[in-house]
Amino acid sequence: MQESDNLLRIFKETRKAVNSGDVAQIKNLSNQTTNTAALTNDPDNIAVAVIVYALSKILERSNNKNLPGWNKFYKNYISAIDNIIIALQKNDEAGFKQNLQLIRNAIEKISGRLKEYIQDVFRKASINKASRLYEHGISMEKTASLLGVSLFELAGYAGERGHIGGAETNVDINQRIKLAMEMFG
């Protein structure tokens, strides 16, 4: 785990933003973590970027709160964040990682539409953060590997957003060829 002071700040500010309902701030904190992850290639920072971004997307849809299982899922998610803060304050890397995993495991304890939606959010959050890392200059193959997404998913997302070669542009034919060559070796 690298940049533990920064991760502690991110989680404290995330918790504060959750309490105030500031979804935009939660997304901003995720982007800050993505920047750190791009510099360090640290899997923990990458996981935090995905978890914080997914939280922002989950909270963005207020109708989730009406679905069966929401209260328990939300309580587990927030409890894990509180425990992550405590673990980081104690420099307890094992506790930090365990609570990151608890957030992922909380999804398995719900069912129905809420589970499907949250699984989809986490998948899309991973692809989004992979795209952001790619924008920062990390190769597409390494980025896809770090986040557990396929090159096809990442290329599709980056292509839709015009994030080819790290800049938002209209994708010309030469850039498309370069992207295809990178994807298929």
N, C-alpha and C. Protein backbone atom coordinates (compact mmCIF):
# COMPACT_ATOMS: atom_id res chain seq x y z
N MET A 1 0.86 -1.18 0.00
CA MET A 1 0.00 0.00 0.00
C MET A 1 0.90 1.23 0.00
N GLN A 2 0.69 2.09 -0.99
CA GLN A 2 1.46 3.32 -1.10
C GLN A 2 0.55 4.51 -0.81
N GLU A 3 1.16 5.60 -0.37
CA GLU A 3 0.40 6.84 -0.14
C GLU A 3 -0.71 6.66 0.89
N SER A 4 -0.40 6.00 2.02
CA SER A 4 -1.45 5.72 3.01
C SER A 4 -2.03 7.00 3.61
N ASP A 5 -1.21 8.05 3.74
CA ASP A 5 -1.75 9.33 4.25
C ASP A 5 -2.79 9.90 3.29
N ASN A 6 -2.51 9.78 2.00
CA ASN A 6 -3.45 10.26 1.00
C ASN A 6 -4.73 9.42 1.02
N LEU A 7 -4.59 8.10 1.15
CA LEU A 7 -5.77 7.23 1.22
C LEU A 7 -6.61 7.56 2.45
N LEU A 8 -5.96 7.83 3.57
CA LEU A 8 -6.68 8.21 4.78
C LEU A 8 -7.47 9.50 4.54
N ARG A 9 -6.84 10.47 3.91
CA ARG A 9 -7.53 11.73 3.60
C ARG A 9 -8.72 11.48 2.67
N ILE A 10 -8.50 10.65 1.65
CA ILE A 10 -9.57 10.35 0.69
C ILE A 10 -10.77 9.75 1.42
N PHE A 11 -10.52 8.77 2.27
CA PHE A 11 -11.63 8.11 2.96
C PHE A 11 -12.31 9.02 3.98
N LYS A 12 -11.54 9.83 4.67
CA LYS A 12 -12.16 10.77 5.62
C LYS A 12 -13.05 11.76 4.88
N GLU A 13 -12.54 12.29 3.78
CA GLU A 13 -13.33 13.25 3.00
C GLU A 13 -14.52 12.56 2.32
N THR A 14 -14.34 11.32 1.92
CA THR A 14 -15.46 10.57 1.34
C THR A 14 -16.56 10.39 2.37
N ARG A 15 -16.17 10.02 3.57
CA ARG A 15 -17.15 9.81 4.64
C ARG A 15 -17.90 11.11 4.93
N LYS A 16 -17.18 12.22 4.96
CA LYS A 16 -17.80 13.53 5.19
C LYS A 16 -18.77 13.87 4.05
N ALA A 17 -18.36 13.59 2.82
CA ALA A 17 -19.22 13.86 1.66
C ALA A 17 -20.46 12.97 1.66
N VAL A 18 -20.32 11.73 2.11
CA VAL A 18 -21.47 10.84 2.22
C VAL A 18 -22.47 11.43 3.21
N ASN A 19 -21.95 11.87 4.35
CA ASN A 19 -22.83 12.45 5.39
C ASN A 19 -23.58 13.68 4.89
N SER A 20 -22.92 14.48 4.05
CA SER A 20 -23.56 15.69 3.56
C SER A 20 -24.31 15.47 2.24
N GLY A 21 -24.20 14.26 1.66
CA GLY A 21 -24.89 13.96 0.41
C GLY A 21 -24.24 14.59 -0.80
N ASP A 22 -22.95 14.89 -0.73
CA ASP A 22 -22.23 15.57 -1.81
C ASP A 22 -21.61 14.54 -2.77
N VAL A 23 -22.42 14.05 -3.69
CA VAL A 23 -21.99 13.02 -4.64
C VAL A 23 -20.88 13.56 -5.56
N ALA A 24 -20.96 14.82 -5.94
CA ALA A 24 -19.93 15.40 -6.81
C ALA A 24 -18.57 15.38 -6.12
N GLN A 25 -18.54 15.64 -4.84
CA GLN A 25 -17.27 15.60 -4.10
C GLN A 25 -16.73 14.17 -4.03
N ILE A 26 -17.61 13.20 -3.90
CA ILE A 26 -17.16 11.80 -3.86
C ILE A 26 -16.50 11.44 -5.20
N LYS A 27 -17.11 11.85 -6.31
CA LYS A 27 -16.50 11.61 -7.63
C LYS A 27 -15.15 12.30 -7.74
N ASN A 28 -15.07 13.53 -7.25
CA ASN A 28 -13.82 14.27 -7.28
C ASN A 28 -12.74 13.54 -6.49
N LEU A 29 -13.09 13.00 -5.34
CA LEU A 29 -12.13 12.27 -4.52
C LEU A 29 -11.66 11.01 -5.26
N SER A 30 -12.55 10.36 -5.96
CA SER A 30 -12.17 9.20 -6.76
C SER A 30 -11.17 9.60 -7.84
N ASN A 31 -11.41 10.73 -8.48
CA ASN A 31 -10.49 11.20 -9.51
C ASN A 31 -9.11 11.52 -8.93
N GLN A 32 -9.08 12.08 -7.73
CA GLN A 32 -7.79 12.35 -7.08
C GLN A 32 -7.04 11.05 -6.83
N THR A 33 -7.76 10.03 -6.42
CA THR A 33 -7.14 8.73 -6.18
C THR A 33 -6.64 8.13 -7.49
N THR A 34 -7.39 8.33 -8.55
CA THR A 34 -6.97 7.83 -9.86
C THR A 34 -5.65 8.48 -10.26
N ASN A 35 -5.50 9.76 -10.00
CA ASN A 35 -4.24 10.45 -10.32
C ASN A 35 -3.08 9.81 -9.56
N THR A 36 -3.28 9.54 -8.28
CA THR A 36 -2.24 8.90 -7.48
C THR A 36 -1.96 7.50 -8.01
N ALA A 37 -3.01 6.76 -8.33
CA ALA A 37 -2.84 5.41 -8.86
C ALA A 37 -2.04 5.42 -10.16
N ALA A 38 -2.26 6.42 -10.99
CA ALA A 38 -1.53 6.52 -12.25
C ALA A 38 -0.04 6.75 -12.01
N LEU A 39 0.26 7.49 -10.97
CA LEU A 39 1.67 7.77 -10.65
C LEU A 39 2.36 6.58 -10.00
N THR A 40 1.63 5.84 -9.18
CA THR A 40 2.24 4.78 -8.38
C THR A 40 2.02 3.37 -8.92
N ASN A 41 1.00 3.18 -9.76
CA ASN A 41 0.58 1.85 -10.22
C ASN A 41 0.27 0.93 -9.05
N ASP A 42 -0.15 1.51 -7.95
CA ASP A 42 -0.44 0.76 -6.73
C ASP A 42 -1.84 0.17 -6.81
N PRO A 43 -1.96 -1.16 -6.71
CA PRO A 43 -3.28 -1.80 -6.80
C PRO A 43 -4.25 -1.32 -5.72
N ASP A 44 -3.75 -0.99 -4.54
CA ASP A 44 -4.64 -0.52 -3.48
C ASP A 44 -5.26 0.84 -3.84
N ASN A 45 -4.46 1.73 -4.39
CA ASN A 45 -4.98 3.02 -4.82
C ASN A 45 -5.99 2.83 -5.95
N ILE A 46 -5.72 1.89 -6.82
CA ILE A 46 -6.65 1.62 -7.92
C ILE A 46 -7.97 1.09 -7.37
N ALA A 47 -7.89 0.16 -6.42
CA ALA A 47 -9.11 -0.39 -5.81
C ALA A 47 -9.90 0.71 -5.12
N VAL A 48 -9.21 1.61 -4.43
CA VAL A 48 -9.89 2.72 -3.75
C VAL A 48 -10.58 3.62 -4.76
N ALA A 49 -9.91 3.92 -5.87
CA ALA A 49 -10.53 4.76 -6.90
C ALA A 49 -11.83 4.14 -7.39
N VAL A 50 -11.83 2.83 -7.61
CA VAL A 50 -13.03 2.14 -8.09
C VAL A 50 -14.11 2.16 -7.02
N ILE A 51 -13.75 1.83 -5.79
CA ILE A 51 -14.73 1.75 -4.70
C ILE A 51 -15.37 3.10 -4.43
N VAL A 52 -14.57 4.16 -4.42
CA VAL A 52 -15.12 5.50 -4.15
C VAL A 52 -15.98 5.96 -5.32
N TYR A 53 -15.53 5.71 -6.55
CA TYR A 53 -16.33 6.10 -7.71
C TYR A 53 -17.64 5.33 -7.75
N ALA A 54 -17.58 4.03 -7.48
CA ALA A 54 -18.81 3.22 -7.46
C ALA A 54 -19.78 3.74 -6.41
N LEU A 55 -19.26 4.13 -5.26
CA LEU A 55 -20.11 4.69 -4.21
C LEU A 55 -20.83 5.93 -4.72
N SER A 56 -20.12 6.79 -5.43
CA SER A 56 -20.76 8.00 -5.95
C SER A 56 -21.88 7.65 -6.92
N LYS A 57 -21.65 6.67 -7.78
CA LYS A 57 -22.67 6.27 -8.74
C LYS A 57 -23.87 5.61 -8.06
N ILE A 58 -23.61 4.84 -7.02
CA ILE A 58 -24.68 4.18 -6.28
C ILE A 58 -25.54 5.21 -5.57
N LEU A 59 -24.90 6.19 -4.94
CA LEU A 59 -25.64 7.22 -4.20
C LEU A 59 -26.36 8.19 -5.13
N GLU A 60 -25.86 8.31 -6.34
CA GLU A 60 -26.45 9.21 -7.33
C GLU A 60 -27.90 8.84 -7.63
N ARG A 61 -28.20 7.55 -7.62
CA ARG A 61 -29.55 7.09 -7.93
C ARG A 61 -30.32 6.89 -6.62
N SER A 62 -31.09 7.87 -6.27
CA SER A 62 -31.79 7.84 -4.98
C SER A 62 -32.86 6.75 -4.92
N ASN A 63 -33.33 6.26 -6.07
CA ASN A 63 -34.35 5.22 -6.05
C ASN A 63 -33.80 3.87 -5.56
N ASN A 64 -32.46 3.74 -5.47
CA ASN A 64 -31.86 2.53 -4.91
C ASN A 64 -32.30 2.31 -3.47
N LYS A 65 -32.54 3.40 -2.77
CA LYS A 65 -32.87 3.34 -1.35
C LYS A 65 -34.21 2.64 -1.11
N ASN A 66 -35.00 2.48 -2.14
CA ASN A 66 -36.30 1.82 -2.02
C ASN A 66 -36.24 0.32 -2.32
N LEU A 67 -35.10 -0.15 -2.81
CA LEU A 67 -34.98 -1.56 -3.20
C LEU A 67 -34.69 -2.43 -1.97
N PRO A 68 -35.21 -3.66 -2.00
CA PRO A 68 -34.93 -4.58 -0.89
C PRO A 68 -33.43 -4.83 -0.74
N GLY A 69 -32.94 -4.79 0.46
CA GLY A 69 -31.54 -5.04 0.75
C GLY A 69 -30.70 -3.78 0.83
N TRP A 70 -31.26 -2.63 0.44
CA TRP A 70 -30.50 -1.39 0.42
C TRP A 70 -29.93 -1.04 1.79
N ASN A 71 -30.76 -1.04 2.81
CA ASN A 71 -30.32 -0.59 4.13
C ASN A 71 -29.13 -1.40 4.64
N LYS A 72 -29.21 -2.70 4.50
CA LYS A 72 -28.11 -3.56 4.97
C LYS A 72 -26.85 -3.32 4.13
N PHE A 73 -27.01 -3.26 2.81
CA PHE A 73 -25.86 -3.01 1.94
C PHE A 73 -25.19 -1.67 2.29
N TYR A 74 -25.99 -0.63 2.40
CA TYR A 74 -25.46 0.71 2.70
C TYR A 74 -24.75 0.71 4.05
N LYS A 75 -25.35 0.09 5.04
CA LYS A 75 -24.76 0.02 6.38
C LYS A 75 -23.40 -0.69 6.32
N ASN A 76 -23.33 -1.81 5.59
CA ASN A 76 -22.07 -2.56 5.46
C ASN A 76 -21.01 -1.74 4.73
N TYR A 77 -21.40 -1.03 3.68
CA TYR A 77 -20.48 -0.21 2.90
C TYR A 77 -19.87 0.88 3.77
N ILE A 78 -20.74 1.61 4.48
CA ILE A 78 -20.29 2.73 5.31
C ILE A 78 -19.48 2.22 6.50
N SER A 79 -19.89 1.10 7.08
CA SER A 79 -19.14 0.51 8.18
C SER A 79 -17.73 0.12 7.73
N ALA A 80 -17.62 -0.44 6.53
CA ALA A 80 -16.31 -0.80 6.00
C ALA A 80 -15.45 0.44 5.79
N ILE A 81 -16.04 1.53 5.32
CA ILE A 81 -15.28 2.78 5.15
C ILE A 81 -14.79 3.28 6.51
N ASP A 82 -15.65 3.24 7.51
CA ASP A 82 -15.24 3.66 8.86
C ASP A 82 -14.09 2.78 9.36
N ASN A 83 -14.18 1.48 9.11
CA ASN A 83 -13.11 0.57 9.53
C ASN A 83 -11.82 0.77 8.73
N ILE A 84 -11.95 1.16 7.48
CA ILE A 84 -10.77 1.48 6.66
C ILE A 84 -10.06 2.69 7.25
N ILE A 85 -10.82 3.69 7.65
CA ILE A 85 -10.22 4.89 8.25
C ILE A 85 -9.45 4.50 9.51
N ILE A 86 -10.06 3.68 10.35
CA ILE A 86 -9.39 3.24 11.58
C ILE A 86 -8.12 2.45 11.25
N ALA A 87 -8.22 1.53 10.28
CA ALA A 87 -7.06 0.72 9.90
C ALA A 87 -5.93 1.61 9.37
N LEU A 88 -6.26 2.59 8.55
CA LEU A 88 -5.23 3.48 8.01
C LEU A 88 -4.59 4.32 9.11
N GLN A 89 -5.38 4.75 10.08
CA GLN A 89 -4.84 5.52 11.20
C GLN A 89 -3.86 4.69 12.03
N LYS A 90 -4.09 3.38 12.07
CA LYS A 90 -3.23 2.48 12.84
C LYS A 90 -2.13 1.85 11.99
N ASN A 91 -2.05 2.25 10.72
CA ASN A 91 -1.11 1.63 9.77
C ASN A 91 -1.31 0.12 9.70
N ASP A 92 -2.55 -0.31 9.76
CA ASP A 92 -2.93 -1.72 9.72
C ASP A 92 -3.29 -2.08 8.28
N GLU A 93 -2.27 -2.47 7.52
CA GLU A 93 -2.49 -2.77 6.09
C GLU A 93 -3.43 -3.95 5.90
N ALA A 94 -3.31 -4.98 6.76
CA ALA A 94 -4.18 -6.14 6.65
C ALA A 94 -5.64 -5.74 6.90
N GLY A 95 -5.88 -4.91 7.90
CA GLY A 95 -7.24 -4.44 8.19
C GLY A 95 -7.79 -3.59 7.06
N PHE A 96 -6.93 -2.78 6.47
CA PHE A 96 -7.31 -1.95 5.32
C PHE A 96 -7.78 -2.84 4.17
N LYS A 97 -6.95 -3.82 3.82
CA LYS A 97 -7.28 -4.70 2.69
C LYS A 97 -8.52 -5.55 2.99
N GLN A 98 -8.64 -6.00 4.23
CA GLN A 98 -9.79 -6.80 4.61
C GLN A 98 -11.08 -6.01 4.44
N ASN A 99 -11.07 -4.75 4.81
CA ASN A 99 -12.28 -3.93 4.69
C ASN A 99 -12.56 -3.52 3.25
N LEU A 100 -11.53 -3.38 2.43
CA LEU A 100 -11.76 -3.18 0.99
C LEU A 100 -12.51 -4.39 0.44
N GLN A 101 -12.09 -5.58 0.84
CA GLN A 101 -12.75 -6.80 0.39
C GLN A 101 -14.16 -6.90 0.93
N LEU A 102 -14.39 -6.43 2.16
CA LEU A 102 -15.74 -6.47 2.73
C LEU A 102 -16.73 -5.67 1.90
N ILE A 103 -16.25 -4.58 1.32
CA ILE A 103 -17.13 -3.78 0.45
C ILE A 103 -17.54 -4.62 -0.76
N ARG A 104 -16.59 -5.28 -1.37
CA ARG A 104 -16.90 -6.16 -2.51
C ARG A 104 -17.83 -7.29 -2.08
N ASN A 105 -17.57 -7.86 -0.90
CA ASN A 105 -18.38 -8.98 -0.42
C ASN A 105 -19.80 -8.55 -0.08
N ALA A 106 -20.00 -7.29 0.27
CA ALA A 106 -21.34 -6.80 0.62
C ALA A 106 -22.30 -6.98 -0.55
N ILE A 107 -21.77 -6.94 -1.75
CA ILE A 107 -22.60 -7.11 -2.95
C ILE A 107 -23.19 -8.52 -2.99
N GLU A 108 -22.41 -9.49 -2.57
CA GLU A 108 -22.86 -10.88 -2.61
C GLU A 108 -23.98 -11.16 -1.62
N LYS A 109 -24.14 -10.30 -0.64
CA LYS A 109 -25.16 -10.52 0.40
C LYS A 109 -26.51 -9.93 0.04
N ILE A 110 -26.60 -9.28 -1.12
CA ILE A 110 -27.88 -8.73 -1.55
C ILE A 110 -28.38 -9.53 -2.75
N SER A 111 -29.60 -9.28 -3.15
CA SER A 111 -30.15 -10.04 -4.27
C SER A 111 -31.02 -9.13 -5.13
N GLY A 112 -31.54 -9.72 -6.18
CA GLY A 112 -32.49 -9.03 -7.04
C GLY A 112 -31.88 -7.89 -7.84
N ARG A 113 -32.74 -6.91 -8.13
CA ARG A 113 -32.34 -5.78 -8.98
C ARG A 113 -31.21 -4.97 -8.37
N LEU A 114 -31.21 -4.83 -7.04
CA LEU A 114 -30.16 -4.05 -6.39
C LEU A 114 -28.80 -4.70 -6.62
N LYS A 115 -28.72 -6.01 -6.48
CA LYS A 115 -27.45 -6.71 -6.70
C LYS A 115 -26.98 -6.54 -8.15
N GLU A 116 -27.89 -6.74 -9.09
CA GLU A 116 -27.54 -6.59 -10.50
C GLU A 116 -27.05 -5.18 -10.79
N TYR A 117 -27.76 -4.19 -10.25
CA TYR A 117 -27.38 -2.80 -10.49
C TYR A 117 -25.99 -2.51 -9.90
N ILE A 118 -25.75 -2.93 -8.68
CA ILE A 118 -24.49 -2.62 -8.02
C ILE A 118 -23.33 -3.37 -8.68
N GLN A 119 -23.55 -4.61 -9.10
CA GLN A 119 -22.50 -5.32 -9.83
C GLN A 119 -22.17 -4.59 -11.13
N ASP A 120 -23.20 -4.10 -11.81
CA ASP A 120 -22.99 -3.34 -13.04
C ASP A 120 -22.23 -2.05 -12.77
N VAL A 121 -22.57 -1.37 -11.68
CA VAL A 121 -21.88 -0.13 -11.32
C VAL A 121 -20.40 -0.40 -11.08
N PHE A 122 -20.09 -1.46 -10.34
CA PHE A 122 -18.68 -1.78 -10.07
C PHE A 122 -17.94 -2.13 -11.36
N ARG A 123 -18.59 -2.85 -12.26
CA ARG A 123 -17.95 -3.20 -13.53
C ARG A 123 -17.66 -1.94 -14.35
N LYS A 124 -18.67 -1.08 -14.44
CA LYS A 124 -18.49 0.16 -15.19
C LYS A 124 -17.49 1.09 -14.51
N ALA A 125 -17.47 1.09 -13.19
CA ALA A 125 -16.50 1.91 -12.46
C ALA A 125 -15.08 1.44 -12.77
N SER A 126 -14.89 0.13 -12.84
CA SER A 126 -13.58 -0.41 -13.18
C SER A 126 -13.16 0.01 -14.58
N ILE A 127 -14.08 -0.06 -15.51
CA ILE A 127 -13.77 0.34 -16.89
C ILE A 127 -13.48 1.84 -16.96
N ASN A 128 -14.28 2.63 -16.25
CA ASN A 128 -14.07 4.08 -16.22
C ASN A 128 -12.69 4.41 -15.67
N LYS A 129 -12.33 3.81 -14.55
CA LYS A 129 -11.03 4.10 -13.94
C LYS A 129 -9.89 3.58 -14.80
N ALA A 130 -10.10 2.45 -15.48
CA ALA A 130 -9.09 1.95 -16.41
C ALA A 130 -8.87 2.97 -17.53
N SER A 131 -9.94 3.53 -18.02
CA SER A 131 -9.83 4.54 -19.06
C SER A 131 -9.06 5.77 -18.57
N ARG A 132 -9.34 6.15 -17.34
CA ARG A 132 -8.64 7.32 -16.75
C ARG A 132 -7.15 7.03 -16.59
N LEU A 133 -6.81 5.82 -16.17
CA LEU A 133 -5.39 5.46 -16.05
C LEU A 133 -4.72 5.46 -17.42
N TYR A 134 -5.43 4.97 -18.41
CA TYR A 134 -4.92 4.96 -19.78
C TYR A 134 -4.67 6.40 -20.26
N GLU A 135 -5.57 7.30 -19.91
CA GLU A 135 -5.38 8.72 -20.25
C GLU A 135 -4.10 9.28 -19.64
N HIS A 136 -3.72 8.74 -18.48
CA HIS A 136 -2.51 9.21 -17.80
C HIS A 136 -1.24 8.60 -18.38
N GLY A 137 -1.38 7.79 -19.42
CA GLY A 137 -0.21 7.29 -20.11
C GLY A 137 0.17 5.86 -19.78
N ILE A 138 -0.58 5.16 -18.96
CA ILE A 138 -0.30 3.75 -18.69
C ILE A 138 -0.84 2.96 -19.88
N SER A 139 -0.10 1.99 -20.34
CA SER A 139 -0.51 1.25 -21.53
C SER A 139 -1.88 0.62 -21.33
N MET A 140 -2.56 0.44 -22.44
CA MET A 140 -3.90 -0.14 -22.39
C MET A 140 -3.86 -1.55 -21.80
N GLU A 141 -2.87 -2.34 -22.20
CA GLU A 141 -2.77 -3.71 -21.70
C GLU A 141 -2.54 -3.73 -20.20
N LYS A 142 -1.63 -2.90 -19.70
CA LYS A 142 -1.35 -2.87 -18.27
C LYS A 142 -2.56 -2.35 -17.49
N THR A 143 -3.20 -1.34 -18.01
CA THR A 143 -4.38 -0.77 -17.35
C THR A 143 -5.49 -1.80 -17.26
N ALA A 144 -5.74 -2.48 -18.34
CA ALA A 144 -6.79 -3.51 -18.35
C ALA A 144 -6.46 -4.60 -17.34
N SER A 145 -5.21 -5.00 -17.29
CA SER A 145 -4.78 -6.03 -16.35
C SER A 145 -4.92 -5.57 -14.90
N LEU A 146 -4.51 -4.35 -14.61
CA LEU A 146 -4.60 -3.81 -13.24
C LEU A 146 -6.03 -3.78 -12.73
N LEU A 147 -6.97 -3.51 -13.63
CA LEU A 147 -8.37 -3.37 -13.19
C LEU A 147 -9.24 -4.56 -13.52
N GLY A 148 -8.66 -5.58 -14.12
CA GLY A 148 -9.44 -6.79 -14.39
C GLY A 148 -10.53 -6.59 -15.43
N VAL A 149 -10.27 -5.74 -16.40
CA VAL A 149 -11.21 -5.55 -17.50
C VAL A 149 -10.54 -6.03 -18.78
N SER A 150 -11.35 -6.33 -19.76
CA SER A 150 -10.78 -6.80 -21.02
C SER A 150 -10.29 -5.61 -21.85
N LEU A 151 -9.34 -5.89 -22.71
CA LEU A 151 -8.88 -4.85 -23.64
C LEU A 151 -10.03 -4.36 -24.50
N PHE A 152 -10.91 -5.26 -24.87
CA PHE A 152 -12.06 -4.91 -25.70
C PHE A 152 -12.95 -3.89 -24.97
N GLU A 153 -13.25 -4.16 -23.68
CA GLU A 153 -14.09 -3.24 -22.90
C GLU A 153 -13.42 -1.88 -22.77
N LEU A 154 -12.14 -1.90 -22.45
CA LEU A 154 -11.41 -0.65 -22.26
C LEU A 154 -11.31 0.13 -23.57
N ALA A 155 -10.98 -0.55 -24.65
CA ALA A 155 -10.88 0.13 -25.94
C ALA A 155 -12.22 0.71 -26.36
N GLY A 156 -13.28 -0.04 -26.13
CA GLY A 156 -14.61 0.46 -26.47
C GLY A 156 -14.96 1.71 -25.69
N TYR A 157 -14.69 1.68 -24.39
CA TYR A 157 -15.00 2.83 -23.55
C TYR A 157 -14.12 4.03 -23.92
N ALA A 158 -12.83 3.78 -24.08
CA ALA A 158 -11.91 4.87 -24.43
C ALA A 158 -12.27 5.44 -25.81
N GLY A 159 -12.62 4.56 -26.73
CA GLY A 159 -13.00 5.02 -28.07
C GLY A 159 -14.28 5.85 -28.06
N GLU A 160 -15.26 5.44 -27.25
CA GLU A 160 -16.50 6.21 -27.14
C GLU A 160 -16.25 7.60 -26.60
N ARG A 161 -15.31 7.70 -25.69
CA ARG A 161 -15.02 8.96 -25.04
C ARG A 161 -13.98 9.78 -25.79
N GLY A 162 -13.36 9.18 -26.81
CA GLY A 162 -12.32 9.88 -27.55
C GLY A 162 -11.04 10.00 -26.75
N HIS A 163 -10.76 9.02 -25.87
CA HIS A 163 -9.57 9.05 -25.02
C HIS A 163 -8.45 8.24 -25.63
N ILE A 164 -8.23 8.40 -26.87
CA ILE A 164 -7.19 7.64 -27.53
C ILE A 164 -5.89 8.42 -27.40
N GLY A 165 -4.86 7.75 -26.91
CA GLY A 165 -3.56 8.39 -26.75
C GLY A 165 -3.53 9.43 -25.66
N GLY A 166 -4.47 9.38 -24.73
CA GLY A 166 -4.44 10.24 -23.58
C GLY A 166 -5.05 11.61 -23.78
N ALA A 167 -5.69 11.85 -24.89
CA ALA A 167 -6.30 13.16 -25.10
C ALA A 167 -7.70 12.97 -25.69
N GLU A 168 -8.58 13.86 -25.31
CA GLU A 168 -9.94 13.78 -25.84
C GLU A 168 -9.96 14.46 -27.22
N THR A 169 -10.21 13.65 -28.22
CA THR A 169 -10.22 14.16 -29.58
C THR A 169 -11.21 13.36 -30.39
N ASN A 170 -11.47 13.83 -31.58
CA ASN A 170 -12.18 12.98 -32.53
C ASN A 170 -11.14 11.99 -33.03
N VAL A 171 -11.48 10.74 -33.06
CA VAL A 171 -10.52 9.70 -33.38
C VAL A 171 -10.39 9.57 -34.89
N ASP A 172 -9.20 9.91 -35.41
CA ASP A 172 -9.00 9.76 -36.84
C ASP A 172 -8.54 8.33 -37.15
N ILE A 173 -8.43 8.02 -38.39
CA ILE A 173 -8.14 6.66 -38.81
C ILE A 173 -6.78 6.19 -38.30
N ASN A 174 -5.77 7.06 -38.28
CA ASN A 174 -4.45 6.66 -37.79
C ASN A 174 -4.49 6.28 -36.32
N GLN A 175 -5.25 7.02 -35.53
CA GLN A 175 -5.37 6.70 -34.11
C GLN A 175 -6.12 5.39 -33.91
N ARG A 176 -7.11 5.16 -34.74
CA ARG A 176 -7.85 3.90 -34.64
C ARG A 176 -6.95 2.71 -34.98
N ILE A 177 -6.11 2.88 -35.98
CA ILE A 177 -5.18 1.80 -36.35
C ILE A 177 -4.21 1.56 -35.21
N LYS A 178 -3.68 2.64 -34.64
CA LYS A 178 -2.75 2.51 -33.51
C LYS A 178 -3.42 1.79 -32.35
N LEU A 179 -4.65 2.13 -32.05
CA LEU A 179 -5.40 1.48 -30.97
C LEU A 179 -5.58 0.00 -31.27
N ALA A 180 -5.96 -0.33 -32.50
CA ALA A 180 -6.15 -1.72 -32.87
C ALA A 180 -4.84 -2.50 -32.78
N MET A 181 -3.75 -1.89 -33.19
CA MET A 181 -2.44 -2.54 -33.11
C MET A 181 -2.07 -2.79 -31.65
N GLU A 182 -2.34 -1.83 -30.79
CA GLU A 182 -2.03 -1.99 -29.37
C GLU A 182 -2.88 -3.10 -28.75
N MET A 183 -4.15 -3.15 -29.15
CA MET A 183 -5.05 -4.16 -28.60
C MET A 183 -4.69 -5.58 -29.03
N PHE A 184 -4.34 -5.72 -30.28
CA PHE A 184 -4.16 -7.06 -30.83
C PHE A 184 -2.70 -7.42 -31.07
N GLY A 185 -1.82 -6.56 -30.57
CA GLY A 185 -0.39 -6.88 -30.64
C GLY A 185 0.14 -6.73 -32.01
